[in-house]
Amino acid sequence: MDDAEILQRIDELVDEEHKLLKKAEEEGLTDEERVRMKELETRLDQCWDLLRQQRARRHAHLNPDEAQPRDPRIVEHYLQ
């Protein structure tokens, strides 16, 4: 996945997250929607991490295509 594809995926995930946040404010979320919100947060963290990995590899003159999505347990514990 190249940078543009990752950024497009991030935009899609953010759009879905915003829709759920709006629904949460207006009427609340179902249990399934709360689970989905957590999944979105994790996927966003993974996408941002992958994008950073690719850019770092490119900057270091390494192959950015060798960057791999990290396990959710790892990216969820990064400090923002």
PDB file of N, CA and C in Angstrom:
ATOM      1  N   MET A   1       0.849  -1.162   0.000  1.00  0.00           N
ATOM      2  CA  MET A   1       0.000   0.000   0.000  1.00  0.00           C
ATOM      3  C   MET A   1       0.906   1.242   0.000  1.00  0.00           C
ATOM      4  N   ASP A   2       0.678   2.164  -0.929  1.00  0.00           N
ATOM      5  CA  ASP A   2       1.503   3.364  -0.949  1.00  0.00           C
ATOM      6  C   ASP A   2       0.896   4.442  -0.051  1.00  0.00           C
ATOM      7  N   ASP A   3       1.616   5.546   0.095  1.00  0.00           N
ATOM      8  CA  ASP A   3       1.179   6.627   0.999  1.00  0.00           C
ATOM      9  C   ASP A   3      -0.228   7.118   0.665  1.00  0.00           C
ATOM     10  N   ALA A   4      -0.499   7.308  -0.618  1.00  0.00           N
ATOM     11  CA  ALA A   4      -1.815   7.819  -1.025  1.00  0.00           C
ATOM     12  C   ALA A   4      -2.930   6.856  -0.633  1.00  0.00           C
ATOM     13  N   GLU A   5      -2.682   5.572  -0.796  1.00  0.00           N
ATOM     14  CA  GLU A   5      -3.685   4.570  -0.424  1.00  0.00           C
ATOM     15  C   GLU A   5      -3.905   4.547   1.086  1.00  0.00           C
ATOM     16  N   ILE A   6      -2.829   4.671   1.837  1.00  0.00           N
ATOM     17  CA  ILE A   6      -2.964   4.697   3.294  1.00  0.00           C
ATOM     18  C   ILE A   6      -3.735   5.939   3.724  1.00  0.00           C
ATOM     19  N   LEU A   7      -3.402   7.082   3.145  1.00  0.00           N
ATOM     20  CA  LEU A   7      -4.106   8.320   3.494  1.00  0.00           C
ATOM     21  C   LEU A   7      -5.581   8.255   3.114  1.00  0.00           C
ATOM     22  N   GLN A   8      -5.886   7.614   1.990  1.00  0.00           N
ATOM     23  CA  GLN A   8      -7.287   7.437   1.597  1.00  0.00           C
ATOM     24  C   GLN A   8      -8.009   6.564   2.618  1.00  0.00           C
ATOM     25  N   ARG A   9      -7.363   5.503   3.050  1.00  0.00           N
ATOM     26  CA  ARG A   9      -7.963   4.610   4.055  1.00  0.00           C
ATOM     27  C   ARG A   9      -8.166   5.348   5.365  1.00  0.00           C
ATOM     28  N   ILE A  10      -7.196   6.177   5.748  1.00  0.00           N
ATOM     29  CA  ILE A  10      -7.333   6.975   6.968  1.00  0.00           C
ATOM     30  C   ILE A  10      -8.549   7.888   6.851  1.00  0.00           C
ATOM     31  N   ASP A  11      -8.704   8.547   5.704  1.00  0.00           N
ATOM     32  CA  ASP A  11      -9.864   9.420   5.493  1.00  0.00           C
ATOM     33  C   ASP A  11     -11.178   8.659   5.637  1.00  0.00           C
ATOM     34  N   GLU A  12     -11.234   7.454   5.073  1.00  0.00           N
ATOM     35  CA  GLU A  12     -12.447   6.634   5.166  1.00  0.00           C
ATOM     36  C   GLU A  12     -12.756   6.272   6.618  1.00  0.00           C
ATOM     37  N   LEU A  13     -11.714   5.864   7.342  1.00  0.00           N
ATOM     38  CA  LEU A  13     -11.898   5.488   8.743  1.00  0.00           C
ATOM     39  C   LEU A  13     -12.322   6.688   9.588  1.00  0.00           C
ATOM     40  N   VAL A  14     -11.717   7.846   9.328  1.00  0.00           N
ATOM     41  CA  VAL A  14     -12.061   9.062  10.071  1.00  0.00           C
ATOM     42  C   VAL A  14     -13.498   9.465   9.782  1.00  0.00           C
ATOM     43  N   ASP A  15     -13.918   9.364   8.526  1.00  0.00           N
ATOM     44  CA  ASP A  15     -15.309   9.689   8.187  1.00  0.00           C
ATOM     45  C   ASP A  15     -16.283   8.807   8.958  1.00  0.00           C
ATOM     46  N   GLU A  16     -16.000   7.517   8.993  1.00  0.00           N
ATOM     47  CA  GLU A  16     -16.867   6.597   9.735  1.00  0.00           C
ATOM     48  C   GLU A  16     -16.850   6.923  11.227  1.00  0.00           C
ATOM     49  N   GLU A  17     -15.666   7.222  11.748  1.00  0.00           N
ATOM     50  CA  GLU A  17     -15.544   7.576  13.159  1.00  0.00           C
ATOM     51  C   GLU A  17     -16.355   8.830  13.477  1.00  0.00           C
ATOM     52  N   HIS A  18     -16.289   9.835  12.617  1.00  0.00           N
ATOM     53  CA  HIS A  18     -17.044  11.076  12.846  1.00  0.00           C
ATOM     54  C   HIS A  18     -18.550  10.834  12.830  1.00  0.00           C
ATOM     55  N   LYS A  19     -19.000   9.962  11.932  1.00  0.00           N
ATOM     56  CA  LYS A  19     -20.431   9.631  11.894  1.00  0.00           C
ATOM     57  C   LYS A  19     -20.870   8.981  13.210  1.00  0.00           C
ATOM     58  N   LEU A  20     -20.048   8.070  13.702  1.00  0.00           N
ATOM     59  CA  LEU A  20     -20.391   7.411  14.960  1.00  0.00           C
ATOM     60  C   LEU A  20     -20.307   8.377  16.141  1.00  0.00           C
ATOM     61  N   LEU A  21     -19.332   9.287  16.131  1.00  0.00           N
ATOM     62  CA  LEU A  21     -19.235  10.282  17.201  1.00  0.00           C
ATOM     63  C   LEU A  21     -20.458  11.187  17.216  1.00  0.00           C
ATOM     64  N   LYS A  22     -20.899  11.579  16.043  1.00  0.00           N
ATOM     65  CA  LYS A  22     -22.098  12.422  15.947  1.00  0.00           C
ATOM     66  C   LYS A  22     -23.317  11.668  16.479  1.00  0.00           C
ATOM     67  N   LYS A  23     -23.433  10.399  16.084  1.00  0.00           N
ATOM     68  CA  LYS A  23     -24.553   9.587  16.565  1.00  0.00           C
ATOM     69  C   LYS A  23     -24.478   9.418  18.079  1.00  0.00           C
ATOM     70  N   ALA A  24     -23.270   9.248  18.600  1.00  0.00           N
ATOM     71  CA  ALA A  24     -23.088   9.090  20.044  1.00  0.00           C
ATOM     72  C   ALA A  24     -23.584  10.325  20.782  1.00  0.00           C
ATOM     73  N   GLU A  25     -23.305  11.492  20.242  1.00  0.00           N
ATOM     74  CA  GLU A  25     -23.737  12.743  20.874  1.00  0.00           C
ATOM     75  C   GLU A  25     -25.247  12.930  20.800  1.00  0.00           C
ATOM     76  N   GLU A  26     -25.834  12.513  19.685  1.00  0.00           N
ATOM     77  CA  GLU A  26     -27.254  12.761  19.452  1.00  0.00           C
ATOM     78  C   GLU A  26     -28.174  11.738  20.108  1.00  0.00           C
ATOM     79  N   GLU A  27     -27.812  10.479  19.983  1.00  0.00           N
ATOM     80  CA  GLU A  27     -28.734   9.449  20.464  1.00  0.00           C
ATOM     81  C   GLU A  27     -28.074   8.288  21.176  1.00  0.00           C
ATOM     82  N   GLY A  28     -26.751   8.276  21.218  1.00  0.00           N
ATOM     83  CA  GLY A  28     -26.044   7.178  21.856  1.00  0.00           C
ATOM     84  C   GLY A  28     -25.733   6.064  20.871  1.00  0.00           C
ATOM     85  N   LEU A  29     -24.848   5.194  21.285  1.00  0.00           N
ATOM     86  CA  LEU A  29     -24.413   4.089  20.436  1.00  0.00           C
ATOM     87  C   LEU A  29     -24.869   2.755  20.993  1.00  0.00           C
ATOM     88  N   THR A  30     -25.072   1.822  20.090  1.00  0.00           N
ATOM     89  CA  THR A  30     -25.358   0.452  20.501  1.00  0.00           C
ATOM     90  C   THR A  30     -24.046  -0.187  20.952  1.00  0.00           C
ATOM     91  N   ASP A  31     -24.138  -1.353  21.554  1.00  0.00           N
ATOM     92  CA  ASP A  31     -22.928  -2.079  21.949  1.00  0.00           C
ATOM     93  C   ASP A  31     -22.061  -2.378  20.731  1.00  0.00           C
ATOM     94  N   GLU A  32     -22.706  -2.761  19.617  1.00  0.00           N
ATOM     95  CA  GLU A  32     -21.960  -3.063  18.390  1.00  0.00           C
ATOM     96  C   GLU A  32     -21.241  -1.823  17.875  1.00  0.00           C
ATOM     97  N   GLU A  33     -21.876  -0.673  17.964  1.00  0.00           N
ATOM     98  CA  GLU A  33     -21.260   0.566  17.495  1.00  0.00           C
ATOM     99  C   GLU A  33     -20.097   0.981  18.391  1.00  0.00           C
ATOM    100  N   ARG A  34     -20.200   0.717  19.676  1.00  0.00           N
ATOM    101  CA  ARG A  34     -19.085   1.004  20.578  1.00  0.00           C
ATOM    102  C   ARG A  34     -17.887   0.116  20.260  1.00  0.00           C
ATOM    103  N   VAL A  35     -18.150  -1.141  19.950  1.00  0.00           N
ATOM    104  CA  VAL A  35     -17.087  -2.055  19.546  1.00  0.00           C
ATOM    105  C   VAL A  35     -16.455  -1.563  18.242  1.00  0.00           C
ATOM    106  N   ARG A  36     -17.303  -1.118  17.315  1.00  0.00           N
ATOM    107  CA  ARG A  36     -16.797  -0.607  16.042  1.00  0.00           C
ATOM    108  C   ARG A  36     -15.923   0.628  16.251  1.00  0.00           C
ATOM    109  N   MET A  37     -16.299   1.509  17.188  1.00  0.00           N
ATOM    110  CA  MET A  37     -15.493   2.692  17.483  1.00  0.00           C
ATOM    111  C   MET A  37     -14.091   2.275  17.936  1.00  0.00           C
ATOM    112  N   LYS A  38     -14.028   1.276  18.782  1.00  0.00           N
ATOM    113  CA  LYS A  38     -12.726   0.788  19.254  1.00  0.00           C
ATOM    114  C   LYS A  38     -11.921   0.212  18.093  1.00  0.00           C
ATOM    115  N   GLU A  39     -12.592  -0.526  17.213  1.00  0.00           N
ATOM    116  CA  GLU A  39     -11.919  -1.080  16.042  1.00  0.00           C
ATOM    117  C   GLU A  39     -11.382   0.034  15.147  1.00  0.00           C
ATOM    118  N   LEU A  40     -12.172   1.085  14.973  1.00  0.00           N
ATOM    119  CA  LEU A  40     -11.744   2.216  14.152  1.00  0.00           C
ATOM    120  C   LEU A  40     -10.503   2.881  14.736  1.00  0.00           C
ATOM    121  N   GLU A  41     -10.505   3.074  16.045  1.00  0.00           N
ATOM    122  CA  GLU A  41      -9.350   3.682  16.710  1.00  0.00           C
ATOM    123  C   GLU A  41      -8.090   2.850  16.479  1.00  0.00           C
ATOM    124  N   THR A  42      -8.227   1.548  16.602  1.00  0.00           N
ATOM    125  CA  THR A  42      -7.097   0.651  16.414  1.00  0.00           C
ATOM    126  C   THR A  42      -6.619   0.685  14.969  1.00  0.00           C
ATOM    127  N   ARG A  43      -7.540   0.595  14.020  1.00  0.00           N
ATOM    128  CA  ARG A  43      -7.161   0.620  12.604  1.00  0.00           C
ATOM    129  C   ARG A  43      -6.502   1.944  12.243  1.00  0.00           C
ATOM    130  N   LEU A  44      -7.016   3.045  12.784  1.00  0.00           N
ATOM    131  CA  LEU A  44      -6.396   4.343  12.520  1.00  0.00           C
ATOM    132  C   LEU A  44      -4.963   4.371  13.057  1.00  0.00           C
ATOM    133  N   ASP A  45      -4.776   3.875  14.262  1.00  0.00           N
ATOM    134  CA  ASP A  45      -3.423   3.819  14.831  1.00  0.00           C
ATOM    135  C   ASP A  45      -2.497   2.988  13.948  1.00  0.00           C
ATOM    136  N   GLN A  46      -3.000   1.862  13.449  1.00  0.00           N
ATOM    137  CA  GLN A  46      -2.186   1.009  12.587  1.00  0.00           C
ATOM    138  C   GLN A  46      -1.855   1.710  11.269  1.00  0.00           C
ATOM    139  N   CYS A  47      -2.822   2.392  10.694  1.00  0.00           N
ATOM    140  CA  CYS A  47      -2.583   3.090   9.429  1.00  0.00           C
ATOM    141  C   CYS A  47      -1.568   4.209   9.593  1.00  0.00           C
ATOM    142  N   TRP A  48      -1.730   5.015  10.643  1.00  0.00           N
ATOM    143  CA  TRP A  48      -0.768   6.088  10.885  1.00  0.00           C
ATOM    144  C   TRP A  48       0.624   5.521  11.125  1.00  0.00           C
ATOM    145  N   ASP A  49       0.715   4.435  11.868  1.00  0.00           N
ATOM    146  CA  ASP A  49       2.003   3.809  12.135  1.00  0.00           C
ATOM    147  C   ASP A  49       2.630   3.295  10.843  1.00  0.00           C
ATOM    148  N   LEU A  50       1.853   2.658   9.997  1.00  0.00           N
ATOM    149  CA  LEU A  50       2.366   2.151   8.728  1.00  0.00           C
ATOM    150  C   LEU A  50       2.869   3.296   7.853  1.00  0.00           C
ATOM    151  N   LEU A  51       2.117   4.384   7.819  1.00  0.00           N
ATOM    152  CA  LEU A  51       2.534   5.549   7.039  1.00  0.00           C
ATOM    153  C   LEU A  51       3.868   6.103   7.569  1.00  0.00           C
ATOM    154  N   ARG A  52       3.989   6.203   8.895  1.00  0.00           N
ATOM    155  CA  ARG A  52       5.246   6.683   9.490  1.00  0.00           C
ATOM    156  C   ARG A  52       6.400   5.726   9.186  1.00  0.00           C
ATOM    157  N   GLN A  53       6.138   4.432   9.253  1.00  0.00           N
ATOM    158  CA  GLN A  53       7.178   3.447   8.930  1.00  0.00           C
ATOM    159  C   GLN A  53       7.667   3.614   7.495  1.00  0.00           C
ATOM    160  N   GLN A  54       6.723   3.739   6.569  1.00  0.00           N
ATOM    161  CA  GLN A  54       7.094   3.863   5.161  1.00  0.00           C
ATOM    162  C   GLN A  54       7.904   5.134   4.925  1.00  0.00           C
ATOM    163  N   ARG A  55       7.477   6.230   5.516  1.00  0.00           N
ATOM    164  CA  ARG A  55       8.201   7.486   5.338  1.00  0.00           C
ATOM    165  C   ARG A  55       9.597   7.399   5.951  1.00  0.00           C
ATOM    166  N   ALA A  56       9.714   6.759   7.101  1.00  0.00           N
ATOM    167  CA  ALA A  56      11.022   6.607   7.743  1.00  0.00           C
ATOM    168  C   ALA A  56      11.933   5.726   6.895  1.00  0.00           C
ATOM    169  N   ARG A  57      11.395   4.659   6.364  1.00  0.00           N
ATOM    170  CA  ARG A  57      12.197   3.774   5.515  1.00  0.00           C
ATOM    171  C   ARG A  57      12.648   4.517   4.257  1.00  0.00           C
ATOM    172  N   ARG A  58      11.756   5.281   3.673  1.00  0.00           N
ATOM    173  CA  ARG A  58      12.103   6.050   2.485  1.00  0.00           C
ATOM    174  C   ARG A  58      13.211   7.054   2.815  1.00  0.00           C
ATOM    175  N   HIS A  59      13.076   7.728   3.945  1.00  0.00           N
ATOM    176  CA  HIS A  59      14.065   8.716   4.380  1.00  0.00           C
ATOM    177  C   HIS A  59      15.439   8.064   4.609  1.00  0.00           C
ATOM    178  N   ALA A  60      15.417   6.820   5.073  1.00  0.00           N
ATOM    179  CA  ALA A  60      16.659   6.086   5.333  1.00  0.00           C
ATOM    180  C   ALA A  60      17.158   5.338   4.084  1.00  0.00           C
ATOM    181  N   HIS A  61      16.527   5.608   2.934  1.00  0.00           N
ATOM    182  CA  HIS A  61      16.900   4.969   1.662  1.00  0.00           C
ATOM    183  C   HIS A  61      16.713   3.459   1.710  1.00  0.00           C
ATOM    184  N   LEU A  62      15.677   3.047   2.425  1.00  0.00           N
ATOM    185  CA  LEU A  62      15.288   1.635   2.479  1.00  0.00           C
ATOM    186  C   LEU A  62      13.987   1.472   1.704  1.00  0.00           C
ATOM    187  N   ASN A  63      13.629   0.257   1.418  1.00  0.00           N
ATOM    188  CA  ASN A  63      12.414  -0.023   0.657  1.00  0.00           C
ATOM    189  C   ASN A  63      11.185   0.197   1.540  1.00  0.00           C
ATOM    190  N   PRO A  64      10.355   1.211   1.228  1.00  0.00           N
ATOM    191  CA  PRO A  64       9.170   1.463   2.048  1.00  0.00           C
ATOM    192  C   PRO A  64       8.129   0.349   1.954  1.00  0.00           C
ATOM    193  N   ASP A  65       8.194  -0.451   0.876  1.00  0.00           N
ATOM    194  CA  ASP A  65       7.237  -1.543   0.713  1.00  0.00           C
ATOM    195  C   ASP A  65       7.468  -2.670   1.710  1.00  0.00           C
ATOM    196  N   GLU A  66       8.601  -2.648   2.388  1.00  0.00           N
ATOM    197  CA  GLU A  66       8.875  -3.673   3.392  1.00  0.00           C
ATOM    198  C   GLU A  66       8.271  -3.336   4.754  1.00  0.00           C
ATOM    199  N   ALA A  67       7.699  -2.145   4.888  1.00  0.00           N
ATOM    200  CA  ALA A  67       7.006  -1.786   6.135  1.00  0.00           C
ATOM    201  C   ALA A  67       5.762  -2.653   6.263  1.00  0.00           C
ATOM    202  N   GLN A  68       5.484  -3.077   7.478  1.00  0.00           N
ATOM    203  CA  GLN A  68       4.346  -3.961   7.739  1.00  0.00           C
ATOM    204  C   GLN A  68       3.471  -3.382   8.841  1.00  0.00           C
ATOM    205  N   PRO A  69       2.146  -3.590   8.736  1.00  0.00           N
ATOM    206  CA  PRO A  69       1.281  -3.158   9.839  1.00  0.00           C
ATOM    207  C   PRO A  69       1.694  -3.870  11.128  1.00  0.00           C
ATOM    208  N   ARG A  70       1.752  -3.116  12.190  1.00  0.00           N
ATOM    209  CA  ARG A  70       2.127  -3.711  13.486  1.00  0.00           C
ATOM    210  C   ARG A  70       0.887  -4.258  14.191  1.00  0.00           C
ATOM    211  N   ASP A  71       1.141  -5.162  15.079  1.00  0.00           N
ATOM    212  CA  ASP A  71       0.087  -5.762  15.890  1.00  0.00           C
ATOM    213  C   ASP A  71      -0.656  -4.668  16.654  1.00  0.00           C
ATOM    214  N   PRO A  72      -1.985  -4.755  16.726  1.00  0.00           N
ATOM    215  CA  PRO A  72      -2.760  -3.746  17.466  1.00  0.00           C
ATOM    216  C   PRO A  72      -2.303  -3.557  18.904  1.00  0.00           C
ATOM    217  N   ARG A  73      -1.830  -4.623  19.540  1.00  0.00           N
ATOM    218  CA  ARG A  73      -1.377  -4.508  20.921  1.00  0.00           C
ATOM    219  C   ARG A  73      -0.162  -3.601  21.044  1.00  0.00           C
ATOM    220  N   ILE A  74       0.598  -3.493  19.968  1.00  0.00           N
ATOM    221  CA  ILE A  74       1.774  -2.626  19.986  1.00  0.00           C
ATOM    222  C   ILE A  74       1.366  -1.180  19.739  1.00  0.00           C
ATOM    223  N   VAL A  75       0.605  -0.926  18.673  1.00  0.00           N
ATOM    224  CA  VAL A  75       0.281   0.458  18.314  1.00  0.00           C
ATOM    225  C   VAL A  75      -0.670   1.107  19.312  1.00  0.00           C
ATOM    226  N   GLU A  76      -1.437   0.314  20.010  1.00  0.00           N
ATOM    227  CA  GLU A  76      -2.380   0.878  20.983  1.00  0.00           C
ATOM    228  C   GLU A  76      -1.676   1.456  22.211  1.00  0.00           C
ATOM    229  N   HIS A  77      -0.437   1.097  22.402  1.00  0.00           N
ATOM    230  CA  HIS A  77       0.282   1.570  23.584  1.00  0.00           C
ATOM    231  C   HIS A  77       1.260   2.692  23.272  1.00  0.00           C
ATOM    232  N   TYR A  78       1.219   3.196  22.037  1.00  0.00           N
ATOM    233  CA  TYR A  78       2.057   4.355  21.710  1.00  0.00           C
ATOM    234  C   TYR A  78       1.508   5.581  22.422  1.00  0.00           C
ATOM    235  N   LEU A  79       2.402   6.441  22.832  1.00  0.00           N
ATOM    236  CA  LEU A  79       1.978   7.722  23.421  1.00  0.00           C
ATOM    237  C   LEU A  79       1.727   8.695  22.298  1.00  0.00           C
ATOM    238  N   GLN A  80       0.638   9.427  22.394  1.00  0.00           N
ATOM    239  CA  GLN A  80       0.294  10.392  21.337  1.00  0.00           C
ATOM    240  C   GLN A  80       0.963  11.700  21.554  1.00  0.00           C
TER     241      GLN A  80
END
